[in-house]
């Protein structure tokens, strides 16, 4: 499990992000946490942290990243979609998405 604290330019802790080896697929990283404090959302912190998370997973040998997202959370769902994640399973609002790193 790889869990990281997200900080802003003043080194203030503003969120947490992380992944682990997927329990469903042998060679996939599974996102377990991606939270930015509400007052810091929409300022690019989450996107930057997520890009770094993918780079970290790739460097650790994971060829693919998988995550669970909610369609009714348009900010995060939109970020994942714009970043190249695609829906592979849809559970009526909750989706599993993947991206090859």
Protein backbone atom coordinates (compact mmCIF):
# COMPACT_ATOMS: atom_id res chain seq x y z
CA UNK A 1 0.00 0.00 0.00
CA UNK A 2 1.31 3.45 -0.96
CA UNK A 3 -0.39 6.35 0.79
CA UNK A 4 0.77 9.95 0.38
CA UNK A 5 -0.12 13.24 2.03
CA UNK A 6 -0.88 16.04 -0.44
CA UNK A 7 0.53 19.43 0.54
CA UNK A 8 0.18 22.89 -0.95
CA UNK A 9 2.96 25.38 -1.73
CA UNK A 10 3.08 26.37 1.96
CA UNK A 11 3.59 22.72 2.95
CA UNK A 12 0.11 22.61 4.51
CA UNK A 13 -1.53 19.17 4.51
CA UNK A 14 -4.55 19.45 2.24
CA UNK A 15 -5.35 15.87 1.27
CA UNK A 16 -4.38 12.27 0.90
CA UNK A 17 -3.95 10.02 -2.12
CA UNK A 18 -2.89 6.42 -2.48
CA UNK A 19 -3.06 3.03 -4.12
CA UNK A 20 -2.35 -0.61 -3.46
CA UNK A 21 -1.81 -3.73 -5.51
CA UNK A 22 -5.22 -4.60 -6.90
CA UNK A 23 -6.99 -7.48 -5.16
CA UNK A 24 -8.73 -8.19 -8.48
CA UNK A 25 -5.90 -8.13 -11.03
CA UNK A 26 -2.33 -9.33 -10.69
CA UNK A 27 -0.53 -6.40 -12.33
CA UNK A 28 -2.75 -3.43 -11.56
CA UNK A 29 -2.57 -0.60 -9.05
CA UNK A 30 -5.92 0.10 -7.39
CA UNK A 31 -6.63 3.64 -6.15
CA UNK A 32 -7.74 3.44 -2.52
CA UNK A 33 -7.84 7.12 -1.63
CA UNK A 34 -8.02 10.45 -3.44
CA UNK A 35 -9.29 13.27 -1.24
CA UNK A 36 -8.52 16.98 -1.24
CA UNK A 37 -9.98 19.25 1.45
CA UNK A 38 -12.99 21.09 0.08
CA UNK A 39 -11.48 24.59 0.29
CA UNK A 40 -8.56 23.48 -1.92
CA UNK A 41 -10.58 21.73 -4.62
CA UNK A 42 -10.67 23.16 -8.14
CA UNK A 43 -7.17 24.62 -7.83
CA UNK A 44 -5.22 21.84 -9.52
CA UNK A 45 -3.89 20.10 -6.42
CA UNK A 46 -5.87 16.92 -6.97
CA UNK A 47 -4.95 16.70 -10.63
CA UNK A 48 -1.25 17.27 -9.93
CA UNK A 49 -1.24 14.71 -7.13
CA UNK A 50 -3.05 12.19 -9.33
CA UNK A 51 -0.51 12.61 -12.15
CA UNK A 52 2.32 12.00 -9.66
CA UNK A 53 0.48 8.97 -8.27
CA UNK A 54 0.28 7.42 -11.74
CA UNK A 55 3.97 8.09 -12.34
CA UNK A 56 4.79 6.46 -9.00
CA UNK A 57 2.75 3.36 -9.85
CA UNK A 58 4.38 3.09 -13.28
CA UNK A 59 7.86 3.37 -11.73
CA UNK A 60 6.94 0.60 -9.28
CA UNK A 61 6.12 -1.69 -12.21
CA UNK A 62 2.35 -1.40 -12.49
CA UNK A 63 1.29 -1.26 -16.15
CA UNK A 64 -2.31 -0.34 -15.31
CA UNK A 65 -4.29 1.66 -12.75
CA UNK A 66 -7.87 0.86 -11.76
CA UNK A 67 -10.29 2.88 -9.64
CA UNK A 68 -13.87 3.13 -8.47
CA UNK A 69 -15.70 6.38 -9.26
CA UNK A 70 -19.21 7.75 -8.98
CA UNK A 71 -20.90 9.26 -12.02
CA UNK A 72 -22.81 11.63 -9.72
CA UNK A 73 -19.46 13.19 -8.63
CA UNK A 74 -18.83 15.14 -11.86
CA UNK A 75 -15.56 16.79 -10.81
CA UNK A 76 -13.67 13.60 -10.01
CA UNK A 77 -15.40 11.52 -12.69
CA UNK A 78 -14.60 14.22 -15.26
CA UNK A 79 -10.98 14.42 -14.13
CA UNK A 80 -10.53 10.67 -14.52
CA UNK A 81 -12.19 10.68 -17.94
CA UNK A 82 -10.10 13.61 -19.21
CA UNK A 83 -6.99 11.85 -17.90
CA UNK A 84 -7.65 8.84 -20.12
CA UNK A 85 -9.46 6.47 -17.77
CA UNK A 86 -12.26 4.49 -19.38
CA UNK A 87 -15.26 2.80 -17.82
CA UNK A 88 -14.95 -0.99 -17.85
CA UNK A 89 -17.87 -1.82 -15.53
CA UNK A 90 -20.98 0.19 -14.68
CA UNK A 91 -23.04 -0.54 -11.58
CA UNK A 92 -25.77 2.04 -12.13
CA UNK A 93 -23.85 5.08 -11.00
CA UNK A 94 -20.75 3.49 -9.52
CA UNK A 95 -18.19 2.58 -12.16
CA UNK A 96 -14.87 0.80 -12.38
CA UNK A 97 -12.40 2.65 -14.59
CA UNK A 98 -8.96 1.72 -15.90
CA UNK A 99 -6.01 3.26 -17.64
CA UNK A 100 -2.85 1.70 -18.99
CA UNK A 101 0.13 3.60 -17.67
